[in-house]
Amino acid sequence: MGLPITDNYQIKTSKTNHKIPVINGIHLHSMYHPIREAENFVLNHLQLLRDKKNILVFGLGFVYHINQIVIELQKIHGDDYKIVVIEPNSEVANDCLSLNLLISDKVKIYHGLSHDRLYQDEELINFLLAQPGIIAHPASFNLYKSYFKNFLQYKAPLSAEQVLMVIQDEQIKKFISDRFMNEEDIKVALWDYSQSNHRIVNKLDYLFFALEEIAPLNGDAQK
């Protein structure tokens, strides 16, 4: 699936003098008090933040909600936390970063990337395998619902050619190219290899199993 199309994008100023991105007529944050809105939003996710020190967020906006998540995670976990944000709109992300709105360097942002590109990023896959908590920013999730749902339902390619394109380790590449003939053979070969002390876990398993390891979406994303 391709990236969603933005027909209209502008930046407005809230009554509290905060910048607010508006996409296709949808305000990604409150025009009255975006900080208070973000604080109330995070209050609804306190138990998840207590349970999980790694958090995957769907939707960047102008990071008012992200900053509140940072504040809560620091209270609970100190510096032992990580946040990954997926944002389909690079224009929003670039403007947000240029405004220096983010308060922490422990936030990794992926923006403007197709699902195939995201699932070729080993750092992201390893993060997903750690079973992060998932928080969906409501305005962003509703705006890009198909993009985020397709990310969660992504099926990695299983053809020999596609798999070998993603693999970087030459030893693993040779092992698989020498042994599999079809889709089911690939799965069997990878499983055999991972069980034979060659330890490909976190290198190739993600091609088939990564999303099965992700914690279920919270209520906001399920609606």
Protein backbone atom coordinates (compact mmCIF):
# COMPACT_ATOMS: atom_id res chain seq x y z
CA MET A 1 0.00 0.00 0.00
CA GLY A 2 1.24 3.52 -0.86
CA LEU A 3 1.42 6.50 1.45
CA PRO A 4 -1.81 8.41 2.14
CA ILE A 5 -2.44 11.57 0.10
CA THR A 6 -2.67 14.96 1.80
CA ASP A 7 -4.99 17.31 -0.08
CA ASN A 8 -4.54 20.27 2.23
CA TYR A 9 -2.03 21.04 4.98
CA GLN A 10 -1.61 24.16 7.06
CA ILE A 11 -0.35 25.26 10.47
CA LYS A 12 -2.60 27.27 12.78
CA THR A 13 -2.00 28.77 16.22
CA SER A 14 -4.04 27.71 19.24
CA LYS A 15 -5.50 30.09 21.79
CA THR A 16 -2.56 29.17 24.03
CA ASN A 17 -0.14 30.17 21.24
CA HIS A 18 0.85 26.61 20.29
CA LYS A 19 1.34 25.56 16.67
CA ILE A 20 -1.30 23.11 15.43
CA PRO A 21 -1.03 21.11 12.18
CA VAL A 22 -4.29 20.87 10.23
CA ILE A 23 -4.57 18.16 7.56
CA ASN A 24 -7.51 17.92 5.19
CA GLY A 25 -9.45 20.13 7.59
CA ILE A 26 -8.66 17.95 10.64
CA HIS A 27 -6.92 19.62 13.60
CA LEU A 28 -4.39 17.18 15.04
CA HIS A 29 -4.50 18.90 18.44
CA SER A 30 -6.90 21.08 20.38
CA MET A 31 -7.17 24.68 19.17
CA TYR A 32 -7.97 25.73 22.73
CA HIS A 33 -5.43 23.99 24.99
CA PRO A 34 -3.29 21.28 23.29
CA ILE A 35 -1.13 20.71 26.39
CA ARG A 36 -4.13 20.05 28.63
CA GLU A 37 -5.58 17.79 25.96
CA ALA A 38 -2.30 15.85 25.85
CA GLU A 39 -2.19 15.55 29.65
CA ASN A 40 -5.72 14.12 29.73
CA PHE A 41 -4.87 11.78 26.88
CA VAL A 42 -1.88 10.34 28.73
CA LEU A 43 -3.90 9.91 31.92
CA ASN A 44 -5.96 7.33 30.04
CA HIS A 45 -2.80 5.30 29.37
CA LEU A 46 -1.06 5.40 32.75
CA GLN A 47 -1.39 1.66 33.40
CA LEU A 48 0.16 0.84 30.03
CA LEU A 49 3.04 3.24 30.71
CA ARG A 50 3.60 1.58 34.09
CA ASP A 51 3.64 -1.86 32.48
CA LYS A 52 5.74 -1.00 29.43
CA LYS A 53 8.95 1.00 29.19
CA ASN A 54 8.98 0.75 25.38
CA ILE A 55 6.12 2.50 23.61
CA LEU A 56 5.09 2.52 19.95
CA VAL A 57 3.02 5.58 19.03
CA PHE A 58 0.91 5.88 15.90
CA GLY A 59 0.88 9.54 14.89
CA LEU A 60 3.37 12.33 15.56
CA GLY A 61 1.34 15.50 15.14
CA PHE A 62 3.32 18.29 16.79
CA VAL A 63 4.36 15.97 19.65
CA TYR A 64 2.33 17.48 22.50
CA HIS A 65 1.08 13.98 23.34
CA ILE A 66 4.56 12.52 22.82
CA ASN A 67 6.10 14.98 25.27
CA GLN A 68 3.53 14.05 27.90
CA ILE A 69 4.32 10.36 27.36
CA VAL A 70 8.02 11.21 27.84
CA ILE A 71 7.26 13.02 31.10
CA GLU A 72 5.29 10.06 32.48
CA LEU A 73 7.81 7.44 31.37
CA GLN A 74 10.63 9.39 33.01
CA LYS A 75 8.65 9.52 36.26
CA ILE A 76 8.05 5.77 36.17
CA HIS A 77 11.16 4.31 34.50
CA GLY A 78 13.79 7.03 34.78
CA ASP A 79 15.95 7.03 31.65
CA ASP A 80 15.23 3.36 30.91
CA TYR A 81 12.59 3.80 28.22
CA LYS A 82 12.24 4.22 24.50
CA ILE A 83 9.53 5.66 22.27
CA VAL A 84 9.14 4.91 18.58
CA VAL A 85 6.73 7.00 16.53
CA ILE A 86 5.35 6.12 13.10
CA GLU A 87 4.05 9.07 11.11
CA PRO A 88 3.02 8.71 7.46
CA ASN A 89 3.20 12.45 6.69
CA SER A 90 6.78 13.68 6.23
CA GLU A 91 5.70 17.30 5.84
CA VAL A 92 4.21 17.31 9.33
CA ALA A 93 7.26 15.52 10.75
CA ASN A 94 9.75 17.89 9.13
CA ASP A 95 7.87 20.97 10.32
CA CYS A 96 7.61 19.53 13.82
CA LEU A 97 11.33 18.80 13.96
CA SER A 98 12.24 22.23 12.58
CA LEU A 99 10.20 23.84 15.38
CA ASN A 100 12.23 21.87 17.99
CA LEU A 101 9.10 20.83 19.86
CA LEU A 102 10.33 17.43 21.04
CA ILE A 103 11.73 17.40 24.58
CA SER A 104 13.61 14.08 24.52
CA ASP A 105 16.28 12.41 22.40
CA LYS A 106 14.93 8.97 23.36
CA VAL A 107 12.23 9.23 20.70
CA LYS A 108 12.83 7.62 17.31
CA ILE A 109 10.62 8.89 14.49
CA TYR A 110 9.88 7.04 11.26
CA HIS A 111 8.03 9.20 8.77
CA GLY A 112 6.91 9.06 5.17
CA LEU A 113 7.84 5.38 4.75
CA SER A 114 5.93 2.59 3.06
CA HIS A 115 5.20 -0.58 5.01
CA ASP A 116 7.85 -2.46 3.01
CA ARG A 117 10.46 0.13 3.97
CA LEU A 118 9.47 0.04 7.63
CA TYR A 119 9.75 -3.74 7.74
CA GLN A 120 13.22 -3.63 6.26
CA ASP A 121 14.51 -1.60 9.22
CA GLU A 122 16.15 -4.04 11.62
CA GLU A 123 16.19 -1.56 14.51
CA LEU A 124 12.43 -1.15 14.22
CA ILE A 125 11.87 -4.90 13.96
CA ASN A 126 13.93 -5.57 17.07
CA PHE A 127 11.89 -2.92 18.86
CA LEU A 128 8.65 -4.64 17.79
CA LEU A 129 9.97 -7.99 18.97
CA ALA A 130 10.42 -6.48 22.43
CA GLN A 131 6.60 -6.23 22.58
CA PRO A 132 6.16 -2.49 23.12
CA GLY A 133 2.98 -0.98 24.40
CA ILE A 134 1.00 0.68 21.61
CA ILE A 135 -0.66 4.07 21.84
CA ALA A 136 -2.59 5.58 18.94
CA HIS A 137 -2.94 9.34 18.77
CA PRO A 138 -6.69 9.58 18.02
CA ALA A 139 -6.66 12.40 15.46
CA SER A 140 -3.70 10.93 13.56
CA PHE A 141 -5.01 7.38 13.73
CA ASN A 142 -8.44 8.35 12.44
CA LEU A 143 -6.90 10.42 9.65
CA TYR A 144 -4.59 7.60 8.54
CA LYS A 145 -6.58 4.59 9.73
CA SER A 146 -5.92 2.46 6.66
CA TYR A 147 -2.17 3.13 6.79
CA PHE A 148 -1.85 2.13 10.44
CA LYS A 149 -4.15 -0.89 10.19
CA ASN A 150 -2.24 -2.15 7.17
CA PHE A 151 0.99 -1.71 9.11
CA LEU A 152 -0.38 -4.00 11.83
CA GLN A 153 -1.66 -6.51 9.30
CA TYR A 154 1.45 -6.43 7.14
CA LYS A 155 2.45 -9.73 5.56
CA ALA A 156 6.13 -9.98 4.81
CA PRO A 157 7.14 -11.30 1.37
CA LEU A 158 7.88 -15.02 1.29
CA SER A 159 9.26 -15.53 -2.19
CA ALA A 160 12.93 -16.55 -2.35
CA GLU A 161 13.92 -13.47 -4.31
CA GLN A 162 12.14 -11.04 -1.96
CA VAL A 163 13.48 -12.65 1.20
CA LEU A 164 17.07 -12.64 -0.07
CA MET A 165 16.78 -8.96 -0.97
CA VAL A 166 16.16 -8.12 2.69
CA ILE A 167 18.78 -10.39 4.25
CA GLN A 168 22.16 -8.74 4.86
CA ASP A 169 24.01 -11.65 6.51
CA GLU A 170 25.83 -13.57 3.75
CA GLN A 171 25.98 -16.80 5.80
CA ILE A 172 22.23 -16.80 6.30
CA LYS A 173 21.67 -15.85 2.67
CA LYS A 174 23.67 -18.86 1.48
CA PHE A 175 21.99 -21.19 3.95
CA ILE A 176 18.51 -20.26 2.72
CA SER A 177 19.28 -20.03 -1.00
CA ASP A 178 20.78 -23.52 -0.87
CA ARG A 179 17.79 -25.11 0.87
CA PHE A 180 14.38 -23.69 0.12
CA MET A 181 12.22 -24.23 -2.95
CA ASN A 182 8.90 -22.65 -1.99
CA GLU A 183 7.14 -20.53 0.62
CA GLU A 184 6.69 -23.33 3.16
CA ASP A 185 10.29 -24.47 2.72
CA ILE A 186 11.47 -20.97 3.64
CA LYS A 187 9.64 -21.11 6.96
CA VAL A 188 10.98 -24.58 7.73
CA ALA A 189 14.53 -23.60 6.76
CA LEU A 190 14.46 -20.50 8.93
CA TRP A 191 13.08 -22.43 11.88
CA ASP A 192 15.70 -25.17 11.49
CA TYR A 193 18.44 -22.60 11.23
CA SER A 194 17.29 -20.71 14.32
CA GLN A 195 17.19 -23.96 16.31
CA SER A 196 20.69 -25.06 15.25
CA ASN A 197 22.65 -22.52 17.33
CA HIS A 198 23.17 -20.25 14.34
CA ARG A 199 20.86 -17.77 16.10
CA ILE A 200 19.10 -15.82 13.40
CA VAL A 201 16.57 -14.55 15.90
CA ASN A 202 16.05 -10.78 15.43
CA LYS A 203 17.66 -10.99 11.99
CA LEU A 204 15.21 -13.00 9.92
CA ASP A 205 12.37 -14.16 12.14
CA TYR A 206 10.78 -10.77 11.75
CA LEU A 207 9.96 -11.56 8.13
CA PHE A 208 7.26 -13.90 9.36
CA PHE A 209 6.61 -13.48 13.05
CA ALA A 210 7.25 -9.87 14.14
CA LEU A 211 3.69 -8.67 14.38
CA GLU A 212 2.61 -11.73 16.34
CA GLU A 213 4.90 -10.46 19.11
CA ILE A 214 3.37 -7.00 19.37
CA ALA A 215 1.12 -6.30 22.33
CA PRO A 216 -2.56 -5.79 21.37
CA LEU A 217 -3.68 -2.33 20.41
CA ASN A 218 -5.25 -0.26 23.12
CA GLY A 219 -8.85 0.88 22.96
CA ASP A 220 -8.18 4.05 20.98
CA ALA A 221 -6.74 2.17 18.04
CA GLN A 222 -9.31 -0.59 18.16
CA LYS A 223 -12.26 1.75 17.79
